[in-house]
Structure formats: structure tokens, C-alpha cells
Amino acid sequence: MPELPEVETTRRGLAPHLEGQRITGVVLRRPDLRWPIPQEISKRLPGQTISAIRRRAKYLLLDTAVGSALLHLGMSGSLRVLPEATPARAHDHVDISLASHALLRLHDPRRFGCLLWQPLGSVHPLLAELGPEPLSDTFSAEYLFALSRGRSAPIKTFLMDQHTVVGVGNIYAAEALFMASISPLRAAGNISYERYQRLVTAVKAILTQAIERGGTTLRDFIAPDGKPGYFEQKLQVYGRAGQPCPRCGKPLKHANIGQRATVWCSSCQR
């Protein structure tokens, strides 16, 4: 599944083509994706101008004067800006036509993505209880330390909880914990303030580097320009179970934590 850097890469790639553009039409080739597509998408979007394309967690929002289209790429979704006459392929489920004679096309073979509606002045229920953005000032050692007191869940599970912080998925949680030298098995409530300072710094550094490099190359994700991301070659532990630790050379450990594959160094991470 595309993680936060992939979604942010998509947002940055689409913004120059979408912002300031008037929507001339919407084509829905099916009535639903993961959930039914609200009628407002086809009834209210045409004629509106896209004032901004924003990201909240792993969701993208197309803002207009009457509300926002809320998009999620799911497991296999992608968005492209294409010439308006481009023929639709299988699994091209949504076209949003623009006055520039281009269109925004949503392609989603597995249909785990979504296209929903957020009325002006409201917050969609999917976004209402999310934690802070990891690259914001709100996500700090003070915040994590206070929230973690009394928590017995493993730190990796705690970090991946969208109520704790948004967008730190399996890959980047593993990489940040390695950078901060914290075992993913350690209880969140047993980590000191100083170590949370290292973890917050690591999360911000890992995500920033991933965004700058275009996101992680995943089988089902392609960036808006058609090129895969290039961060995968820099991964230190994720997907490297049994291989030597980049720091100490000992074999990396593997376990399932919260039903997610986890790799770490039992020597370097405590």
C-alpha cells in the first residue's frame, strides 16, 4: 500500500496540473470503489475550480468553493493527468475533466481506494480522529512521551497507530526505529523522553528523505510521472531479514508484530 511519502509525491506531481483549473465534467464508470461514490462528486464538482490539492495522512483532497473530493489510493490505485481524448483502459474508474483539455484519471484494479465528499466547513469522519502529521511541529518528543505513558503496546504498534501519528506505515516505522536504535518490541510506555527525541528526529528524517527521493518502489505504486520511486535502495532493515545489520554485521531478526512483518537488529536496537 502506498505510504505517506508516495501520497505526498503524488500530491506534488499533480498540483501544478490541477490547482487553479476549472472542472468541466466527471465520468464515473462504476458507482463505487471501496465505498459508494457520493452523488455530490458528479453533481457539485462540475463548474468548480480546484483551489488546492492537499494531503491529510494518506488521503488527498481536491478543494473547491463548495467542498472537497476526498481520494485514497488503496492498495493499487494511481492518479494520472492525461490528454482529454486518452481512451480508458480496464480499471480506469473515474475521470475528472479540466478546462485545460486534460483529465485526472483514477486507476484502481483492486478497488480498495475511495472517492468521497467532504462538504465545505466540515471534516469527513475518516479524518476526524486522526493524529498529527509526522512532519508537523505537533509531532514532538513531548507529545509522544506524554501519550505513551502507561502504554504496554510495542513501540512499533504504537507508532503505526493512526491515532498516535498519521502516515508512519510499516516500512518507515521499521526504518525510523532502526535509525533511533530502539527495539520495535519495547513497550511504548518504557521508552524515555530522550529516546523519544531520537525517534521523532528519525521519523522526520526518514520521511523527508523518502519524499525527496520520490517514495518507495512498491509493486503496485507508480509516481504520477510514470516513474517508480527510488527510496527502496536506501532501506536499512525492511525486507532484509537474515541479512547482516548495516551497523554491526549481525543477522537481522524477523517477527510479526501486530500482524505486520518486522525486521530489526537485536544488538543495535534496545
Protein backbone atom coordinates (compact mmCIF):
# COMPACT_ATOMS: atom_id res chain seq x y z
CA MET A 1 0.00 0.00 0.00
CA PRO A 2 1.36 3.46 -0.82
CA GLU A 3 2.57 5.15 2.35
CA LEU A 4 2.73 8.84 3.21
CA PRO A 5 5.78 9.66 1.04
CA GLU A 6 4.16 8.05 -2.00
CA VAL A 7 0.95 10.02 -1.44
CA GLU A 8 2.88 13.25 -0.92
CA THR A 9 4.86 12.52 -4.09
CA THR A 10 1.56 12.12 -5.92
CA ARG A 11 0.23 15.38 -4.49
CA ARG A 12 3.32 17.32 -5.54
CA GLY A 13 3.23 15.80 -9.00
CA LEU A 14 -0.44 16.64 -9.56
CA ALA A 15 -0.58 20.13 -8.01
CA PRO A 16 0.84 22.12 -10.97
CA HIS A 17 -1.68 20.48 -13.31
CA LEU A 18 -4.76 20.78 -11.08
CA GLU A 19 -4.59 23.89 -8.93
CA GLY A 20 -6.47 26.80 -10.49
CA GLN A 21 -8.15 24.56 -13.05
CA ARG A 22 -11.92 24.54 -13.61
CA ILE A 23 -13.63 21.16 -13.61
CA THR A 24 -15.73 20.69 -16.73
CA GLY A 25 -17.10 17.21 -16.10
CA VAL A 26 -16.92 14.00 -14.12
CA VAL A 27 -17.19 10.47 -15.53
CA LEU A 28 -17.88 7.61 -13.10
CA ARG A 29 -17.53 4.23 -14.79
CA ARG A 30 -18.80 2.43 -11.73
CA PRO A 31 -20.90 3.56 -8.75
CA ASP A 32 -18.46 2.50 -6.09
CA LEU A 33 -14.88 1.70 -5.14
CA ARG A 34 -14.30 0.57 -1.57
CA TRP A 35 -17.47 2.51 -0.70
CA PRO A 36 -20.24 4.03 -2.85
CA ILE A 37 -19.20 7.24 -4.61
CA PRO A 38 -21.45 10.06 -3.33
CA GLN A 39 -23.71 11.87 -5.79
CA GLU A 40 -22.05 15.18 -4.89
CA ILE A 41 -18.96 14.13 -6.86
CA SER A 42 -20.78 14.20 -10.21
CA LYS A 43 -23.36 16.86 -9.30
CA ARG A 44 -21.33 19.50 -7.46
CA LEU A 45 -17.80 19.27 -8.87
CA PRO A 46 -18.51 20.28 -12.50
CA GLY A 47 -18.09 24.03 -12.87
CA GLN A 48 -15.95 24.34 -9.73
CA THR A 49 -12.32 25.48 -9.67
CA ILE A 50 -9.73 23.42 -7.80
CA SER A 51 -8.25 25.88 -5.32
CA ALA A 52 -5.74 23.41 -3.84
CA ILE A 53 -4.79 19.77 -3.65
CA ARG A 54 -3.96 18.83 -0.06
CA ARG A 55 -2.81 15.71 1.75
CA ARG A 56 -4.11 14.57 5.13
CA ALA A 57 -2.47 11.33 6.24
CA LYS A 58 -2.71 9.09 3.16
CA TYR A 59 -5.75 10.92 1.76
CA LEU A 60 -5.75 13.56 -0.96
CA LEU A 61 -8.30 16.37 -1.00
CA LEU A 62 -9.27 18.40 -4.06
CA ASP A 63 -10.57 21.65 -2.57
CA THR A 64 -13.25 23.75 -4.24
CA ALA A 65 -15.58 26.53 -3.11
CA VAL A 66 -18.37 24.05 -2.31
CA GLY A 67 -16.41 21.20 -0.75
CA SER A 68 -13.61 18.73 -1.31
CA ALA A 69 -13.29 15.46 -3.18
CA LEU A 70 -11.56 13.00 -0.84
CA LEU A 71 -9.34 10.40 -2.53
CA HIS A 72 -7.45 7.37 -1.23
CA LEU A 73 -5.33 5.17 -3.47
CA GLY A 74 -5.94 1.97 -1.53
CA MET A 75 -3.69 -0.99 -2.34
CA SER A 76 -3.21 -0.45 -6.06
CA GLY A 77 -4.65 2.91 -7.07
CA SER A 78 -2.89 5.61 -9.08
CA LEU A 79 -3.74 9.05 -10.41
CA ARG A 80 -2.65 10.47 -13.77
CA VAL A 81 -3.14 13.75 -15.60
CA LEU A 82 -3.75 12.79 -19.25
CA PRO A 83 -4.93 14.42 -22.50
CA GLU A 84 -8.73 14.52 -22.52
CA ALA A 85 -9.01 12.17 -25.51
CA THR A 86 -6.99 9.36 -23.88
CA PRO A 87 -9.01 6.12 -24.18
CA ALA A 88 -9.96 4.48 -20.91
CA ARG A 89 -8.39 1.14 -20.03
CA ALA A 90 -9.71 -1.58 -17.78
CA HIS A 91 -9.88 -0.36 -14.16
CA ASP A 92 -9.89 3.33 -15.15
CA HIS A 93 -12.87 4.07 -12.93
CA VAL A 94 -13.03 7.88 -12.66
CA ASP A 95 -12.22 10.81 -14.96
CA ILE A 96 -12.34 14.42 -13.79
CA SER A 97 -12.14 16.64 -16.88
CA LEU A 98 -10.48 20.06 -16.75
CA ALA A 99 -10.80 23.25 -18.74
CA SER A 100 -7.17 22.78 -19.80
CA HIS A 101 -8.34 19.86 -22.00
CA ALA A 102 -6.65 17.43 -19.64
CA LEU A 103 -8.26 14.98 -17.26
CA LEU A 104 -7.44 13.49 -13.88
CA ARG A 105 -7.87 9.71 -14.11
CA LEU A 106 -8.17 7.31 -11.19
CA HIS A 107 -6.98 3.78 -11.97
CA ASP A 108 -7.65 1.15 -9.28
CA PRO A 109 -7.59 -2.56 -10.22
CA ARG A 110 -8.40 -3.84 -6.73
CA ARG A 111 -10.91 -1.10 -5.87
CA PHE A 112 -9.61 -0.69 -2.32
CA GLY A 113 -9.34 3.05 -2.87
CA CYS A 114 -12.12 5.58 -2.39
CA LEU A 115 -13.63 8.76 -3.78
CA LEU A 116 -15.78 10.53 -1.20
CA TRP A 117 -17.13 14.00 -0.48
CA GLN A 118 -16.29 16.46 2.32
CA PRO A 119 -18.75 19.39 2.46
CA LEU A 120 -17.30 22.87 2.89
CA GLY A 121 -16.59 23.68 6.54
CA SER A 122 -16.74 20.08 7.74
CA VAL A 123 -14.27 17.28 8.41
CA HIS A 124 -15.01 13.86 6.94
CA PRO A 125 -15.44 11.12 9.60
CA LEU A 126 -12.43 9.27 8.13
CA LEU A 127 -10.25 12.27 9.02
CA ALA A 128 -11.89 13.42 12.23
CA GLU A 129 -9.90 11.39 14.78
CA LEU A 130 -6.52 11.14 13.09
CA GLY A 131 -3.33 12.01 14.93
CA PRO A 132 -0.93 14.80 13.95
CA GLU A 133 1.09 14.88 10.76
CA PRO A 134 4.57 13.43 11.37
CA LEU A 135 6.35 16.38 9.73
CA SER A 136 4.43 18.96 11.76
CA ASP A 137 5.62 20.70 14.93
CA THR A 138 2.80 18.98 16.84
CA PHE A 139 4.56 15.64 16.41
CA SER A 140 7.25 16.06 19.05
CA ALA A 141 9.05 14.17 21.79
CA GLU A 142 6.86 15.92 24.36
CA TYR A 143 3.73 14.74 22.59
CA LEU A 144 4.87 11.13 22.14
CA PHE A 145 6.27 10.81 25.65
CA ALA A 146 3.07 12.08 27.28
CA LEU A 147 0.81 9.94 25.08
CA SER A 148 2.86 6.78 25.67
CA ARG A 149 2.77 6.76 29.46
CA GLY A 150 1.18 3.55 30.71
CA ARG A 151 1.07 2.02 27.22
CA SER A 152 2.17 -1.63 27.10
CA ALA A 153 1.85 -1.99 23.31
CA PRO A 154 5.12 -2.44 21.38
CA ILE A 155 6.53 0.87 20.19
CA LYS A 156 6.19 -0.18 16.55
CA THR A 157 2.46 -0.81 17.00
CA PHE A 158 2.10 2.47 18.91
CA LEU A 159 3.95 4.39 16.18
CA MET A 160 1.83 2.89 13.41
CA ASP A 161 -1.46 3.71 15.18
CA GLN A 162 -3.13 6.46 13.13
CA HIS A 163 -4.47 7.98 16.35
CA THR A 164 -0.87 8.45 17.53
CA VAL A 165 0.52 9.91 14.31
CA VAL A 166 -0.62 9.57 10.72
CA GLY A 167 1.21 8.07 7.81
CA VAL A 168 4.02 6.16 9.53
CA GLY A 169 3.44 2.78 7.90
CA ASN A 170 5.29 -0.48 8.25
CA ILE A 171 8.31 0.37 6.10
CA TYR A 172 9.05 3.76 7.60
CA ALA A 173 8.34 2.69 11.19
CA ALA A 174 10.94 -0.08 10.84
CA GLU A 175 13.48 2.30 9.33
CA ALA A 176 12.92 5.04 11.92
CA LEU A 177 13.23 2.62 14.86
CA PHE A 178 16.50 1.34 13.42
CA MET A 179 17.83 4.88 12.99
CA ALA A 180 16.83 5.68 16.59
CA SER A 181 18.33 2.37 17.91
CA ILE A 182 15.02 1.38 19.55
CA SER A 183 13.77 -2.20 19.53
CA PRO A 184 10.33 -2.50 17.90
CA LEU A 185 9.40 -4.93 20.69
CA ARG A 186 9.94 -2.47 23.54
CA ALA A 187 6.76 -1.27 25.30
CA ALA A 188 5.90 2.29 24.31
CA GLY A 189 5.49 3.25 27.96
CA ASN A 190 9.01 2.09 28.82
CA ILE A 191 10.82 4.45 26.47
CA SER A 192 12.48 7.55 27.91
CA TYR A 193 11.92 11.11 26.82
CA GLU A 194 15.45 11.27 25.40
CA ARG A 195 14.86 8.21 23.26
CA TYR A 196 11.59 9.66 22.01
CA GLN A 197 13.57 12.72 20.94
CA ARG A 198 15.74 10.43 18.81
CA LEU A 199 12.68 8.65 17.43
CA VAL A 200 10.89 11.84 16.41
CA THR A 201 14.04 13.09 14.71
CA ALA A 202 14.39 9.75 12.91
CA VAL A 203 10.76 9.67 11.72
CA LYS A 204 11.02 13.18 10.29
CA ALA A 205 14.38 12.44 8.63
CA ILE A 206 13.27 9.13 7.10
CA LEU A 207 10.01 10.54 5.73
CA THR A 208 11.67 13.70 4.41
CA GLN A 209 14.33 11.65 2.64
CA ALA A 210 11.70 9.33 1.17
CA ILE A 211 9.62 12.26 -0.14
CA GLU A 212 12.69 13.85 -1.69
CA ARG A 213 13.58 10.59 -3.42
CA GLY A 214 10.06 10.04 -4.73
CA GLY A 215 8.72 7.44 -2.34
CA THR A 216 9.38 3.75 -2.00
CA THR A 217 9.27 1.49 -5.05
CA LEU A 218 6.33 -0.81 -4.36
CA ARG A 219 4.90 -3.31 -6.80
CA ASP A 220 1.56 -1.54 -7.14
CA PHE A 221 2.67 2.09 -6.95
CA ILE A 222 3.89 4.29 -9.78
CA ALA A 223 4.53 8.00 -9.34
CA PRO A 224 2.45 10.49 -11.39
CA ASP A 225 5.20 10.91 -13.98
CA GLY A 226 5.17 7.18 -14.64
CA LYS A 227 8.48 6.54 -12.87
CA PRO A 228 8.79 4.42 -9.73
CA GLY A 229 10.16 5.87 -6.52
CA TYR A 230 13.84 5.41 -5.72
CA PHE A 231 13.98 5.18 -1.94
CA GLU A 232 13.89 1.38 -1.73
CA GLN A 233 17.61 1.02 -2.37
CA LYS A 234 18.31 3.03 0.79
CA LEU A 235 16.28 0.81 3.15
CA GLN A 236 18.41 -0.40 6.06
CA VAL A 237 16.30 -3.15 7.63
CA TYR A 238 12.87 -3.51 6.00
CA GLY A 239 12.74 -6.67 3.86
CA ARG A 240 16.28 -7.69 4.87
CA ALA A 241 15.59 -10.40 7.47
CA GLY A 242 18.59 -12.67 7.96
CA GLN A 243 20.96 -10.31 6.17
CA PRO A 244 23.82 -8.57 8.01
CA CYS A 245 22.96 -5.47 10.04
CA PRO A 246 24.37 -2.39 8.25
CA ARG A 247 25.93 -1.28 11.56
CA CYS A 248 27.22 -4.35 13.41
CA GLY A 249 27.03 -7.12 10.81
CA LYS A 250 24.91 -9.48 12.92
CA PRO A 251 21.94 -11.17 11.18
CA LEU A 252 18.78 -9.08 11.30
CA LYS A 253 15.87 -10.59 13.24
CA HIS A 254 12.33 -11.11 11.97
CA ALA A 255 8.98 -11.35 13.76
CA ASN A 256 5.34 -10.43 13.27
CA ILE A 257 4.22 -7.52 15.44
CA GLY A 258 0.57 -6.63 15.20
CA GLN A 259 0.30 -8.99 12.20
CA ARG A 260 2.93 -6.97 10.34
CA ALA A 261 6.34 -8.27 9.31
CA THR A 262 9.06 -6.61 11.37
CA VAL A 263 12.84 -6.68 10.89
CA TRP A 264 15.36 -5.27 13.38
CA CYS A 265 18.81 -5.74 14.87
CA SER A 266 18.66 -7.28 18.33
CA SER A 267 22.19 -5.98 19.01
CA CYS A 268 21.86 -2.36 17.86
CA GLN A 269 18.22 -1.80 18.81
CA ARG A 270 17.36 -1.94 22.51
